[in-house]
Amino acid sequence: MEVFLLWQVRHARCLDGRPTQHRDDAGELVWDEEDGDDLKMLGVYSSEARAEARIQRARKLPGFQDEPDCFFISRYTVDQDQWDDGFVYLPRDDQAD
């Protein structure tokens, strides 16, 4: 069974005055949580159409209306394992172990 996860990105403003990059050259939404971008899941829907309808409703709400083109829908298969090989943590230079 497949479901549709709806996400929205609130991009952090660049302190040096550069314009905020919302999409790459291919038109794909970009974000970097380490740079302060805020990724929010708005819901999980049974169809892509329901997720699209939620985008239309959310675009009218405070906060979401500031970045009306920063929504994306991802497909997700239920009952399917993720991270089945584990993971490795690599601390950044400015972080303690």
Protein backbone atom coordinates (compact mmCIF):
# COMPACT_ATOMS: atom_id res chain seq x y z
CA MET A 1 0.00 0.00 0.00
CA GLU A 2 1.29 3.41 -0.91
CA VAL A 3 0.56 6.67 0.93
CA PHE A 4 1.44 10.26 0.16
CA LEU A 5 3.42 12.35 2.64
CA LEU A 6 2.97 16.11 2.36
CA TRP A 7 5.86 18.34 3.38
CA GLN A 8 6.47 22.08 3.47
CA VAL A 9 9.77 23.92 3.76
CA ARG A 10 10.11 27.26 5.50
CA HIS A 11 13.44 28.56 4.23
CA ALA A 12 15.78 30.43 6.55
CA ARG A 13 16.67 33.91 5.38
CA CYS A 14 20.29 34.50 4.37
CA LEU A 15 21.90 36.85 6.87
CA ASP A 16 24.38 38.14 4.29
CA GLY A 17 21.59 39.49 2.08
CA ARG A 18 21.77 36.80 -0.60
CA PRO A 19 18.41 35.79 -2.00
CA THR A 20 16.96 32.62 -0.53
CA GLN A 21 17.19 29.66 -2.90
CA HIS A 22 13.91 27.78 -2.98
CA ARG A 23 14.50 25.57 -6.03
CA ASP A 24 17.49 24.36 -7.99
CA ASP A 25 18.11 24.80 -11.71
CA ALA A 26 15.95 21.73 -12.45
CA GLY A 27 13.05 23.21 -10.46
CA GLU A 28 13.42 20.77 -7.55
CA LEU A 29 12.73 22.10 -4.07
CA VAL A 30 15.92 22.49 -2.01
CA TRP A 31 16.46 22.80 1.73
CA ASP A 32 19.16 22.39 4.33
CA GLU A 33 18.05 21.94 7.91
CA GLU A 34 21.61 22.60 9.13
CA ASP A 35 21.33 26.08 7.59
CA GLY A 36 18.08 26.70 9.46
CA ASP A 37 15.47 25.60 6.93
CA ASP A 38 12.41 24.19 8.70
CA LEU A 39 10.87 21.04 7.20
CA LYS A 40 7.34 20.23 8.34
CA MET A 41 5.15 17.22 7.57
CA LEU A 42 1.57 18.39 7.09
CA GLY A 43 0.03 14.97 6.81
CA VAL A 44 -0.15 11.51 5.32
CA TYR A 45 -2.82 10.99 2.68
CA SER A 46 -4.38 8.03 0.92
CA SER A 47 -4.14 9.69 -2.49
CA GLU A 48 -2.07 12.31 -4.24
CA ALA A 49 -5.27 14.26 -4.93
CA ARG A 50 -6.00 14.53 -1.20
CA ALA A 51 -2.47 15.78 -0.57
CA GLU A 52 -2.86 18.35 -3.37
CA ALA A 53 -6.15 19.52 -1.85
CA ARG A 54 -4.39 20.02 1.49
CA ILE A 55 -1.75 22.17 -0.23
CA GLN A 56 -4.50 24.43 -1.56
CA ARG A 57 -5.98 24.82 1.95
CA ALA A 58 -2.57 25.35 3.59
CA ARG A 59 -1.55 28.09 1.13
CA LYS A 60 -4.23 30.30 2.71
CA LEU A 61 -2.85 29.92 6.25
CA PRO A 62 -0.34 32.15 8.07
CA GLY A 63 3.22 31.02 7.57
CA PHE A 64 2.41 28.66 4.72
CA GLN A 65 1.18 31.54 2.57
CA ASP A 66 4.65 33.13 2.81
CA GLU A 67 6.16 30.26 0.79
CA PRO A 68 3.27 28.95 -1.33
CA ASP A 69 5.52 27.05 -3.74
CA CYS A 70 7.56 25.21 -1.11
CA PHE A 71 5.36 22.14 -0.71
CA PHE A 72 6.21 18.69 -1.91
CA ILE A 73 4.59 15.28 -1.88
CA SER A 74 6.56 12.08 -1.46
CA ARG A 75 5.25 8.57 -1.97
CA TYR A 76 5.83 6.10 0.81
CA THR A 77 5.18 2.37 0.93
CA VAL A 78 3.77 1.18 4.26
CA ASP A 79 5.09 -1.96 5.95
CA GLN A 80 8.43 -1.58 4.21
CA ASP A 81 11.58 -1.43 6.36
CA GLN A 82 13.77 1.65 6.15
CA TRP A 83 17.38 2.04 7.29
CA ASP A 84 17.69 -1.74 7.16
CA ASP A 85 21.50 -1.55 7.07
CA GLY A 86 21.72 0.77 10.11
CA PHE A 87 23.61 4.04 9.96
CA VAL A 88 26.89 5.65 10.95
CA TYR A 89 27.08 8.89 12.90
CA LEU A 90 29.79 11.30 11.76
CA PRO A 91 30.04 14.30 14.11
CA ARG A 92 30.90 17.66 12.60
CA ASP A 93 34.22 19.25 13.55
CA ASP A 94 32.47 21.64 15.95
CA GLN A 95 30.58 18.87 17.78
CA ALA A 96 31.79 16.64 20.59
CA ASP A 97 31.32 12.87 20.31
